[in-house]
Amino acid sequence: MRRTNSQSGISKLEFAVVVSVVAILAGILLARLIKNESVAERLYLDVSVHSMQKALKVRQGNLMNTHRQVDYAALAKENPVDWLEKKPAGYVGPVENVDPEAVEDGAWIYDPAQRELLYRPRFPGEFEGLLDDYGVARVQVLLHYAEGDAAPVGVGLQYKPVADRQR
């Protein structure tokens, strides 16, 4: 009886097709991972700022509960991170006159001179309209005034609009 040679394994063409399909799927997966990281980082920034806003309200409430006059101007000069029980990951601390280009990816820095909290995202894809020319998001404590009042009547924490930045 004659035995025929049967081929075992895969051909070079089949191998190339498998490698191409795996590379395409890996590329799609990597793009989704980067998108998800960017979305998660934006959510982290929003939650951190929201936590600071709530901590500011608690700080004001504590001052009122001790029957002290709330000095909104002094409150606006405080570092918002100091109101938190736990500092955000990547918090460097206060640095006078921060060079925005020197802020590392994923770092939070408080600039007491400008009364701004700066954050540079590692994945800026989801931060459109929030980052300045340096790729930094800025958060600032702002005083609120009633119409016609010279003294502030409140204080709030918010993203500083790009148009308001003068650097």
Protein backbone atom coordinates (compact mmCIF):
# COMPACT_ATOMS: atom_id res chain seq x y z
CA MET A 1 0.00 0.00 0.00
CA ARG A 2 1.22 3.37 -0.89
CA ARG A 3 1.40 6.06 1.68
CA THR A 4 0.69 9.69 0.68
CA ASN A 5 2.51 12.57 2.23
CA SER A 6 0.01 14.53 4.29
CA GLN A 7 0.94 17.99 5.33
CA SER A 8 0.96 18.74 9.01
CA GLY A 9 0.98 22.23 10.50
CA ILE A 10 0.06 25.44 8.79
CA SER A 11 1.42 27.17 5.75
CA LYS A 12 3.19 30.50 5.74
CA LEU A 13 0.14 32.13 4.20
CA GLU A 14 -2.15 30.81 6.92
CA PHE A 15 0.31 31.95 9.57
CA ALA A 16 0.46 35.44 8.03
CA VAL A 17 -3.34 35.67 8.01
CA VAL A 18 -3.56 34.61 11.67
CA VAL A 19 -0.86 37.10 12.69
CA SER A 20 -2.65 39.90 10.75
CA VAL A 21 -5.98 39.16 12.40
CA VAL A 22 -4.40 39.05 15.87
CA ALA A 23 -2.56 42.35 15.18
CA ILE A 24 -5.80 44.05 14.06
CA LEU A 25 -7.68 42.80 17.13
CA ALA A 26 -4.81 43.91 19.40
CA GLY A 27 -4.88 47.36 17.80
CA ILE A 28 -8.62 47.69 18.36
CA LEU A 29 -8.25 46.50 21.96
CA LEU A 30 -5.42 48.95 22.62
CA ALA A 31 -7.44 51.87 21.19
CA ARG A 32 -10.40 50.96 23.44
CA LEU A 33 -8.13 50.66 26.47
CA ILE A 34 -6.66 54.11 25.87
CA LYS A 35 -10.17 55.56 25.38
CA ASN A 36 -11.34 53.90 28.60
CA GLU A 37 -8.30 55.24 30.48
CA SER A 38 -9.07 58.74 29.23
CA VAL A 39 -12.74 58.49 30.25
CA ALA A 40 -11.75 57.13 33.67
CA GLU A 41 -9.22 59.92 34.18
CA ARG A 42 -11.79 62.61 33.30
CA LEU A 43 -14.24 60.98 35.70
CA TYR A 44 -11.51 60.93 38.38
CA LEU A 45 -10.90 64.66 37.89
CA ASP A 46 -14.63 65.43 38.06
CA VAL A 47 -15.11 63.31 41.19
CA SER A 48 -12.06 64.91 42.84
CA VAL A 49 -13.34 68.42 42.14
CA HIS A 50 -16.82 67.43 43.32
CA SER A 51 -15.27 66.07 46.56
CA MET A 52 -13.47 69.39 47.04
CA GLN A 53 -16.75 71.26 46.47
CA LYS A 54 -18.46 69.15 49.14
CA ALA A 55 -15.49 69.58 51.49
CA LEU A 56 -15.75 73.36 51.00
CA LYS A 57 -19.41 73.25 52.04
CA VAL A 58 -18.46 71.21 55.11
CA ARG A 59 -15.72 73.75 55.92
CA GLN A 60 -18.22 76.62 55.67
CA GLY A 61 -20.73 74.69 57.77
CA ASN A 62 -18.13 74.02 60.47
CA LEU A 63 -17.31 77.72 60.64
CA MET A 64 -21.00 78.61 60.93
CA ASN A 65 -21.63 75.93 63.57
CA THR A 66 -18.93 77.42 65.76
CA HIS A 67 -20.72 80.79 65.45
CA ARG A 68 -17.79 82.34 63.64
CA GLN A 69 -18.16 84.82 60.82
CA VAL A 70 -17.21 83.13 57.57
CA ASP A 71 -14.36 85.05 55.96
CA TYR A 72 -15.00 84.12 52.34
CA ALA A 73 -11.95 85.99 51.08
CA ALA A 74 -9.68 84.00 53.42
CA LEU A 75 -11.48 80.78 52.51
CA ALA A 76 -10.89 81.46 48.81
CA LYS A 77 -7.13 81.63 49.48
CA GLU A 78 -7.00 78.17 51.07
CA ASN A 79 -5.73 75.14 49.20
CA PRO A 80 -8.80 73.04 48.28
CA VAL A 81 -6.82 69.82 48.69
CA ASP A 82 -6.33 70.65 52.38
CA TRP A 83 -10.09 70.27 52.88
CA LEU A 84 -9.97 66.64 51.83
CA GLU A 85 -9.41 63.76 54.22
CA LYS A 86 -7.31 61.94 51.60
CA LYS A 87 -5.21 63.79 49.03
CA PRO A 88 -5.69 62.81 45.36
CA ALA A 89 -3.17 60.43 43.80
CA GLY A 90 -0.34 62.38 42.20
CA TYR A 91 -0.71 65.42 44.48
CA VAL A 92 2.65 67.23 44.60
CA GLY A 93 1.68 70.02 46.98
CA PRO A 94 1.80 73.81 46.89
CA VAL A 95 4.35 75.37 44.56
CA GLU A 96 4.66 79.13 44.10
CA ASN A 97 4.27 80.38 40.52
CA VAL A 98 4.06 77.00 38.85
CA ASP A 99 5.35 76.71 35.32
CA PRO A 100 2.45 74.86 33.61
CA GLU A 101 4.87 73.16 31.24
CA ALA A 102 6.68 71.63 34.22
CA VAL A 103 3.57 69.87 35.56
CA GLU A 104 4.05 66.15 35.02
CA ASP A 105 1.38 63.87 33.60
CA GLY A 106 -1.07 62.76 36.30
CA ALA A 107 0.17 65.39 38.78
CA TRP A 108 -1.84 67.85 40.88
CA ILE A 109 -0.10 71.06 41.96
CA TYR A 110 -1.54 73.95 43.93
CA ASP A 111 -0.27 77.43 42.99
CA PRO A 112 -0.94 79.72 45.99
CA ALA A 113 0.03 82.83 44.01
CA GLN A 114 -2.72 82.23 41.43
CA ARG A 115 -4.98 80.30 43.89
CA GLU A 116 -5.28 77.55 41.29
CA LEU A 117 -5.10 73.81 41.43
CA LEU A 118 -3.48 72.48 38.26
CA TYR A 119 -3.86 68.97 36.89
CA ARG A 120 -2.20 67.54 33.78
CA PRO A 121 -4.00 64.44 32.48
CA ARG A 122 -2.03 61.42 31.34
CA PHE A 123 -4.64 60.70 28.64
CA PRO A 124 -6.09 64.07 27.50
CA GLY A 125 -8.57 62.63 24.97
CA GLU A 126 -11.70 63.34 27.05
CA PHE A 127 -10.63 66.78 28.30
CA GLU A 128 -11.56 68.83 25.23
CA GLY A 129 -12.47 72.39 26.15
CA LEU A 130 -11.11 71.98 29.66
CA LEU A 131 -7.36 72.17 29.04
CA ASP A 132 -5.43 75.36 28.43
CA ASP A 133 -2.66 75.85 25.85
CA TYR A 134 -0.26 73.98 28.16
CA GLY A 135 -2.51 70.91 28.38
CA VAL A 136 -3.41 71.65 32.01
CA ALA A 137 -6.83 71.71 33.67
CA ARG A 138 -7.17 74.46 36.26
CA VAL A 139 -9.51 74.52 39.23
CA GLN A 140 -9.99 77.68 41.26
CA VAL A 141 -11.91 78.81 44.32
CA LEU A 142 -13.99 81.79 43.24
CA LEU A 143 -15.83 84.34 45.36
CA HIS A 144 -19.51 85.00 44.75
CA TYR A 145 -20.99 88.46 45.10
CA ALA A 146 -24.61 89.56 45.31
CA GLU A 147 -25.62 92.30 42.93
CA GLY A 148 -24.43 95.63 44.31
CA ASP A 149 -22.50 94.09 47.24
CA ALA A 150 -18.82 94.92 47.66
CA ALA A 151 -18.23 92.06 50.09
CA PRO A 152 -18.42 88.44 48.94
CA VAL A 153 -21.50 86.49 49.98
CA GLY A 154 -20.17 83.05 49.20
CA VAL A 155 -17.43 80.98 47.71
CA GLY A 156 -17.39 78.11 45.24
CA LEU A 157 -14.98 75.81 43.49
CA GLN A 158 -15.05 75.41 39.74
CA TYR A 159 -13.01 74.81 36.63
CA LYS A 160 -11.48 78.05 35.54
CA PRO A 161 -12.66 78.77 31.99
CA VAL A 162 -9.93 78.83 29.35
CA ALA A 163 -10.93 82.38 28.29
CA ASP A 164 -10.23 83.67 31.81
CA ARG A 165 -6.63 82.49 31.85
CA GLN A 166 -3.95 85.10 31.45
CA ARG A 167 -0.56 83.37 31.27
